[in-house]
Amino acid sequence: MMTTTTQEKLQHLDYMTLLVFLRLYEFQSGKLTAEAFNVPQSKISRCLSRLRDGFDDPLFIKKVAGLEITDKAQRLYPIIKKIEINHIDLAQEIEKSSTNLHNEITIRAPSGFTNGVLRKLYNCTCHNSCVKSAVLQDNGPNDEELLLNNHCDVVISCQPSTHVGIQNQKICEVTDTFVVARLDHPIWDEIYKPILDRVLNYPVILTEVLHFNSELEATPLKQFADSRKRELNVAAKTNNLNEISDFLIGTDAITLVVSQGAVDYLSQNDDIRAQIVPKVERMELMRNKPNMTLYMQTRKSERKLSNCIKQKLADLITVGANGCIKASQFERG
């Protein structure tokens, strides 16, 4: 006959039984222990039987003045008390985590792809929960570090992360380019010339997107100008749409943007006009550079963002990029 090990015996002791041990030790009374749990004393007796069997010791010996605590019970008490304390800490962390699921989410992204659409996330319901608020921040060089350290929840980037702790999801490919200038800009009257050749006649505001055209030489328009042996007159570089709007209204500068969201935002001003670059010209513009692809980066341990919310965010970013959901791919990488 095989001998039952102590470890095998302990597997039959549930958390409630361990709590009974603690209360018997602290109250030294079966009656008070039963009252503490609001159960009959017979249930406490059954738990005590399991404890004696599991620890192979009487533990508590009934005396006239109460329960006498054995040496083994005295040695076990601090160990089992730690289990109770750890269990309480765990419960508090779970409760705290569940509460955080309903807090705001912080998204770092190129501003032009998300303006005016993130508020729709608030109406994204999933299992009777929703995003209470979303905070949009512009991309920066330390996005990955902020994501890993829980200082933001989502990063929208045009390059996937290679960090083992980050999950990449391909959202969409950006397929259009727009010329934007003030409504009375002379560029709109020179209809006999290709629009990109007209662009090179004026100061240009470069709309930066991190990892795509943040360096001048990597900018498609600079490469296009070089291919034409033309100089590119850069008036400013920024990814702030409010700054771009002020530049456009107050100067002869023009800009190129690659997202429908940026066009919609800038066109709110009646003094600004946008025109899509014809496909043939855009192919020439992007000849030496692939189309921008947007990725959603999240922590692999992320619990706040349900798949429902991720899909909604992917759709909204696609709307911001291309004006429709047709390009949404939401591929896990």
Protein backbone atom coordinates (compact mmCIF):
# COMPACT_ATOMS: atom_id res chain seq x y z
CA MET A 1 0.00 0.00 0.00
CA MET A 2 1.39 3.41 -1.09
CA THR A 3 1.96 6.00 1.61
CA THR A 4 0.12 9.34 1.15
CA THR A 5 2.58 12.24 1.20
CA THR A 6 2.03 15.47 3.11
CA GLN A 7 1.74 17.37 -0.18
CA GLU A 8 -1.02 15.04 -1.37
CA LYS A 9 -2.90 15.50 1.90
CA LEU A 10 -2.66 19.29 1.68
CA GLN A 11 -4.28 19.26 -1.77
CA HIS A 12 -7.58 18.44 -0.07
CA LEU A 13 -7.45 21.50 2.19
CA ASP A 14 -9.38 24.41 0.67
CA TYR A 15 -9.00 28.07 1.60
CA MET A 16 -12.06 28.03 3.87
CA THR A 17 -10.54 25.19 5.91
CA LEU A 18 -7.31 27.15 6.35
CA LEU A 19 -9.32 30.15 7.57
CA VAL A 20 -11.01 27.89 10.13
CA PHE A 21 -7.54 26.94 11.39
CA LEU A 22 -6.65 30.63 11.82
CA ARG A 23 -9.86 31.52 13.66
CA LEU A 24 -9.60 28.47 15.95
CA TYR A 25 -6.05 29.52 16.79
CA GLU A 26 -7.01 33.16 17.40
CA PHE A 27 -10.33 32.59 19.25
CA GLN A 28 -9.40 29.27 20.92
CA SER A 29 -13.10 28.46 20.71
CA GLY A 30 -15.10 26.35 18.27
CA LYS A 31 -18.27 28.29 19.13
CA LEU A 32 -16.75 31.73 18.43
CA THR A 33 -15.23 30.41 15.19
CA ALA A 34 -18.63 29.13 14.03
CA GLU A 35 -20.20 32.51 14.85
CA ALA A 36 -17.47 34.33 12.91
CA PHE A 37 -18.31 32.31 9.77
CA ASN A 38 -22.05 32.22 10.55
CA VAL A 39 -22.11 28.43 10.18
CA PRO A 40 -23.10 25.55 12.51
CA GLN A 41 -20.42 24.25 14.86
CA SER A 42 -20.69 20.88 13.11
CA LYS A 43 -19.15 22.45 9.98
CA ILE A 44 -16.24 23.75 12.03
CA SER A 45 -15.77 20.24 13.44
CA ARG A 46 -15.62 18.76 9.94
CA CYS A 47 -13.03 21.35 8.88
CA LEU A 48 -10.98 20.53 11.98
CA SER A 49 -11.06 16.84 11.07
CA ARG A 50 -9.65 17.66 7.61
CA LEU A 51 -6.99 19.85 9.17
CA ARG A 52 -5.92 17.10 11.59
CA ASP A 53 -5.75 14.61 8.76
CA GLY A 54 -3.85 16.97 6.46
CA PHE A 55 -1.27 17.99 9.06
CA ASP A 56 -1.22 14.64 10.87
CA ASP A 57 -1.62 16.34 14.25
CA PRO A 58 -4.50 17.06 16.67
CA LEU A 59 -3.66 20.80 16.42
CA PHE A 60 -6.34 21.91 18.94
CA ILE A 61 -7.15 19.83 22.04
CA LYS A 62 -10.42 20.54 23.82
CA LYS A 63 -9.99 21.49 27.47
CA VAL A 64 -12.36 22.88 30.11
CA ALA A 65 -10.88 26.38 29.71
CA GLY A 66 -10.89 26.26 25.93
CA LEU A 67 -8.65 24.82 23.22
CA GLU A 68 -5.08 23.85 23.89
CA ILE A 69 -2.81 24.64 20.93
CA THR A 70 -0.22 22.01 20.01
CA ASP A 71 3.39 22.79 19.14
CA LYS A 72 2.77 21.96 15.49
CA ALA A 73 -0.20 24.33 15.34
CA GLN A 74 2.00 27.10 16.74
CA ARG A 75 4.56 26.49 13.99
CA LEU A 76 1.86 26.40 11.30
CA TYR A 77 0.05 29.58 12.33
CA PRO A 78 2.49 32.20 10.86
CA ILE A 79 2.73 30.19 7.64
CA ILE A 80 -1.04 29.96 7.13
CA LYS A 81 -1.48 33.58 8.21
CA LYS A 82 0.74 34.61 5.30
CA ILE A 83 -1.60 32.71 2.97
CA GLU A 84 -4.55 34.78 4.24
CA ILE A 85 -2.65 38.05 3.87
CA ASN A 86 -1.53 37.17 0.33
CA HIS A 87 -5.10 36.16 -0.56
CA ILE A 88 -6.41 39.56 0.63
CA ASP A 89 -3.70 41.37 -1.35
CA LEU A 90 -4.57 39.35 -4.45
CA ALA A 91 -8.27 40.14 -4.10
CA GLN A 92 -7.52 43.86 -3.80
CA GLU A 93 -5.30 43.81 -6.89
CA ILE A 94 -7.98 42.00 -8.91
CA GLU A 95 -10.60 44.52 -7.80
CA LYS A 96 -8.27 47.40 -8.63
CA SER A 97 -7.54 45.88 -12.05
CA SER A 98 -11.23 45.42 -12.79
CA THR A 99 -11.88 49.05 -11.90
CA ASN A 100 -9.09 50.19 -14.20
CA LEU A 101 -10.75 48.46 -17.13
CA HIS A 102 -13.25 51.30 -17.20
CA ASN A 103 -10.74 54.15 -16.98
CA GLU A 104 -9.55 56.25 -19.87
CA ILE A 105 -7.20 54.87 -22.48
CA THR A 106 -4.21 56.85 -23.70
CA ILE A 107 -3.35 56.63 -27.39
CA ARG A 108 -0.16 57.98 -28.96
CA ALA A 109 -0.58 58.51 -32.68
CA PRO A 110 0.10 60.83 -35.62
CA SER A 111 -2.45 63.58 -34.98
CA GLY A 112 -3.72 63.70 -38.54
CA PHE A 113 -5.04 60.16 -38.44
CA THR A 114 -7.21 60.48 -35.36
CA ASN A 115 -8.63 63.99 -35.06
CA GLY A 116 -12.39 64.05 -34.83
CA VAL A 117 -12.94 60.29 -34.66
CA LEU A 118 -11.65 59.09 -31.28
CA ARG A 119 -14.73 60.38 -29.48
CA LYS A 120 -16.66 57.60 -31.23
CA LEU A 121 -14.77 55.14 -29.07
CA TYR A 122 -16.87 56.24 -26.11
CA ASN A 123 -19.89 54.58 -27.70
CA CYS A 124 -18.06 51.29 -28.19
CA THR A 125 -19.86 48.87 -25.89
CA CYS A 126 -18.50 45.44 -25.17
CA HIS A 127 -19.97 43.11 -22.54
CA ASN A 128 -21.79 46.06 -20.95
CA SER A 129 -18.58 48.06 -20.56
CA CYS A 130 -17.27 50.95 -22.59
CA VAL A 131 -14.35 53.33 -22.90
CA LYS A 132 -15.11 56.23 -20.58
CA SER A 133 -12.62 58.56 -22.25
CA ALA A 134 -9.71 58.46 -24.67
CA VAL A 135 -6.70 60.77 -24.50
CA LEU A 136 -4.80 61.44 -27.71
CA GLN A 137 -1.11 62.31 -27.60
CA ASP A 138 1.24 62.95 -30.51
CA ASN A 139 3.85 60.32 -31.35
CA GLY A 140 7.36 60.72 -29.95
CA PRO A 141 10.68 58.89 -30.00
CA ASN A 142 10.00 57.22 -26.61
CA ASP A 143 6.61 55.69 -27.50
CA GLU A 144 7.81 52.12 -26.97
CA GLU A 145 9.20 52.89 -23.51
CA LEU A 146 5.99 54.67 -22.50
CA LEU A 147 3.92 51.72 -23.68
CA LEU A 148 5.99 49.13 -21.83
CA ASN A 149 5.90 51.21 -18.62
CA ASN A 150 2.10 51.60 -18.70
CA HIS A 151 2.22 55.34 -19.42
CA CYS A 152 0.07 54.81 -22.49
CA ASP A 153 -2.16 51.97 -23.71
CA VAL A 154 -1.90 52.10 -27.50
CA VAL A 155 0.68 53.36 -29.98
CA ILE A 156 -0.29 53.94 -33.61
CA SER A 157 2.91 53.89 -35.66
CA CYS A 158 3.99 53.44 -39.26
CA GLN A 159 6.51 50.81 -38.25
CA PRO A 160 6.00 47.66 -36.16
CA SER A 161 7.81 47.20 -32.87
CA THR A 162 10.39 44.43 -32.52
CA HIS A 163 10.16 44.27 -28.70
CA VAL A 164 9.12 40.86 -27.36
CA GLY A 165 6.65 42.47 -24.93
CA ILE A 166 4.72 44.35 -27.63
CA GLN A 167 2.09 42.98 -29.99
CA ASN A 168 1.73 44.54 -33.45
CA GLN A 169 -1.52 44.65 -35.40
CA LYS A 170 -1.55 45.89 -38.95
CA ILE A 171 -4.39 48.36 -39.40
CA CYS A 172 -4.28 49.75 -42.93
CA GLU A 173 -2.22 51.11 -45.78
CA VAL A 174 -2.54 54.82 -46.54
CA THR A 175 -3.53 55.19 -50.18
CA ASP A 176 -4.06 58.91 -50.90
CA THR A 177 -2.23 62.23 -50.77
CA PHE A 178 -3.81 65.69 -50.65
CA VAL A 179 -2.56 69.18 -51.44
CA VAL A 180 -3.82 71.75 -48.94
CA ALA A 181 -3.56 75.55 -49.16
CA ARG A 182 -5.60 78.63 -48.41
CA LEU A 183 -8.72 79.10 -50.50
CA ASP A 184 -7.39 82.09 -52.51
CA HIS A 185 -3.94 80.60 -53.09
CA PRO A 186 -2.73 81.05 -56.71
CA ILE A 187 -1.90 77.32 -56.93
CA TRP A 188 -5.58 76.61 -57.57
CA ASP A 189 -5.59 78.81 -60.71
CA GLU A 190 -2.63 77.13 -62.45
CA ILE A 191 -4.73 74.25 -63.75
CA TYR A 192 -2.62 73.77 -66.87
CA LYS A 193 0.28 72.30 -64.83
CA PRO A 194 0.44 69.02 -62.87
CA ILE A 195 -0.39 69.86 -59.28
CA LEU A 196 2.83 68.47 -57.78
CA ASP A 197 4.94 70.58 -60.15
CA ARG A 198 2.93 73.59 -58.97
CA VAL A 199 3.62 72.66 -55.35
CA LEU A 200 7.36 73.04 -55.90
CA ASN A 201 6.86 76.72 -56.79
CA TYR A 202 5.82 77.60 -53.25
CA PRO A 203 7.07 77.28 -49.66
CA VAL A 204 6.10 73.91 -48.21
CA ILE A 205 5.05 72.90 -44.70
CA LEU A 206 6.26 69.34 -44.17
CA THR A 207 3.78 67.34 -42.10
CA GLU A 208 5.97 64.97 -40.15
CA VAL A 209 5.04 61.38 -39.37
CA LEU A 210 7.51 59.63 -37.08
CA HIS A 211 9.50 56.83 -38.78
CA PHE A 212 8.07 57.77 -42.20
CA ASN A 213 9.16 61.28 -43.16
CA SER A 214 10.60 62.81 -40.00
CA GLU A 215 13.92 63.17 -41.85
CA LEU A 216 13.91 65.61 -44.78
CA GLU A 217 15.69 63.22 -47.14
CA ALA A 218 13.06 60.55 -46.42
CA THR A 219 10.19 62.83 -47.37
CA PRO A 220 8.48 61.74 -50.61
CA LEU A 221 8.15 65.36 -51.75
CA LYS A 222 11.90 65.96 -51.28
CA GLN A 223 12.67 62.86 -53.32
CA PHE A 224 10.18 64.02 -55.95
CA ALA A 225 11.83 67.46 -56.10
CA ASP A 226 15.28 65.87 -56.44
CA SER A 227 14.04 63.73 -59.33
CA ARG A 228 12.89 66.94 -61.04
CA LYS A 229 16.17 68.67 -60.18
CA ARG A 230 14.14 71.25 -58.28
CA GLU A 231 14.74 72.86 -54.90
CA LEU A 232 12.27 72.21 -52.11
CA ASN A 233 11.58 75.38 -50.13
CA VAL A 234 10.73 74.15 -46.63
CA ALA A 235 8.87 76.81 -44.65
CA ALA A 236 8.31 74.64 -41.56
CA LYS A 237 8.16 71.08 -40.26
CA THR A 238 5.42 70.10 -37.82
CA ASN A 239 2.86 67.40 -37.05
CA ASN A 240 0.52 69.81 -35.24
CA LEU A 241 -2.57 70.47 -37.35
CA ASN A 242 -3.37 73.73 -35.56
CA GLU A 243 0.08 75.08 -36.43
CA ILE A 244 -0.35 73.95 -40.03
CA SER A 245 -3.71 75.73 -40.27
CA ASP A 246 -2.19 78.99 -39.00
CA PHE A 247 0.69 78.72 -41.49
CA LEU A 248 -1.67 78.10 -44.41
CA ILE A 249 -3.92 81.04 -43.61
CA GLY A 250 -1.16 83.55 -42.99
CA THR A 251 1.34 82.72 -45.75
CA ASP A 252 1.74 81.41 -49.30
CA ALA A 253 2.84 78.06 -47.89
CA ILE A 254 1.14 74.85 -48.94
CA THR A 255 1.29 71.36 -47.48
CA LEU A 256 0.77 67.73 -48.39
CA VAL A 257 -1.16 65.47 -46.04
CA VAL A 258 -1.81 61.76 -46.40
CA SER A 259 -4.90 61.26 -44.29
CA GLN A 260 -8.56 62.02 -44.76
CA GLY A 261 -8.70 62.89 -41.07
CA ALA A 262 -6.17 65.69 -41.53
CA VAL A 263 -8.07 67.01 -44.56
CA ASP A 264 -11.35 66.99 -42.64
CA TYR A 265 -9.76 68.79 -39.71
CA LEU A 266 -8.03 71.48 -41.77
CA SER A 267 -11.06 71.98 -44.04
CA GLN A 268 -13.19 72.96 -41.07
CA ASN A 269 -11.75 76.40 -41.79
CA ASP A 270 -13.68 77.81 -44.76
CA ASP A 271 -10.55 79.65 -45.90
CA ILE A 272 -8.65 76.40 -46.54
CA ARG A 273 -9.04 74.14 -49.58
CA ALA A 274 -7.78 70.61 -50.25
CA GLN A 275 -7.41 68.64 -53.47
CA ILE A 276 -6.49 64.99 -53.92
CA VAL A 277 -3.35 64.25 -55.92
CA PRO A 278 -4.26 62.30 -59.09
CA LYS A 279 -3.21 58.64 -59.00
CA VAL A 280 -0.67 59.00 -61.83
CA GLU A 281 1.08 61.86 -60.06
CA ARG A 282 0.92 60.09 -56.71
CA MET A 283 2.61 57.02 -58.21
CA GLU A 284 5.46 59.30 -59.32
CA LEU A 285 5.56 60.93 -55.86
CA MET A 286 5.83 57.55 -54.13
CA ARG A 287 8.11 55.93 -56.71
CA ASN A 288 11.04 55.62 -54.30
CA LYS A 289 9.03 55.00 -51.15
CA PRO A 290 6.38 52.43 -50.21
CA ASN A 291 2.97 53.54 -49.02
CA MET A 292 2.71 54.29 -45.33
CA THR A 293 1.35 51.35 -43.34
CA LEU A 294 -0.17 51.93 -39.91
CA TYR A 295 0.26 49.49 -37.01
CA MET A 296 -1.41 49.31 -33.62
CA GLN A 297 1.04 48.47 -30.84
CA THR A 298 -0.18 47.17 -27.47
CA ARG A 299 1.43 45.38 -24.55
CA LYS A 300 1.10 41.59 -24.83
CA SER A 301 -0.06 41.62 -21.19
CA GLU A 302 -2.74 44.28 -21.88
CA ARG A 303 -6.10 43.58 -20.16
CA LYS A 304 -7.77 46.98 -20.43
CA LEU A 305 -8.42 46.77 -24.18
CA SER A 306 -10.92 44.15 -25.30
CA ASN A 307 -10.81 42.81 -28.86
CA CYS A 308 -14.00 44.78 -29.48
CA ILE A 309 -12.30 48.06 -28.57
CA LYS A 310 -9.18 47.20 -30.57
CA GLN A 311 -11.27 46.48 -33.65
CA LYS A 312 -13.21 49.71 -33.18
CA LEU A 313 -9.98 51.67 -32.85
CA ALA A 314 -8.55 49.98 -35.96
CA ASP A 315 -11.66 50.94 -37.92
CA LEU A 316 -11.54 54.54 -36.70
CA ILE A 317 -7.86 54.93 -37.57
CA THR A 318 -8.63 53.56 -41.04
CA VAL A 319 -11.41 56.10 -41.41
CA GLY A 320 -8.93 58.78 -40.36
CA ALA A 321 -6.41 57.53 -42.91
CA ASN A 322 -8.53 56.74 -45.95
CA GLY A 323 -12.02 58.01 -45.26
CA CYS A 324 -13.61 54.55 -45.25
CA ILE A 325 -13.18 51.15 -43.62
CA LYS A 326 -12.40 49.30 -46.84
CA ALA A 327 -8.65 49.20 -46.15
CA SER A 328 -8.94 47.88 -42.59
CA GLN A 329 -7.03 44.64 -42.26
CA PHE A 330 -6.47 44.29 -38.49
CA GLU A 331 -3.89 41.55 -38.87
CA ARG A 332 -2.18 40.16 -35.80
CA GLY A 333 1.59 40.14 -35.99
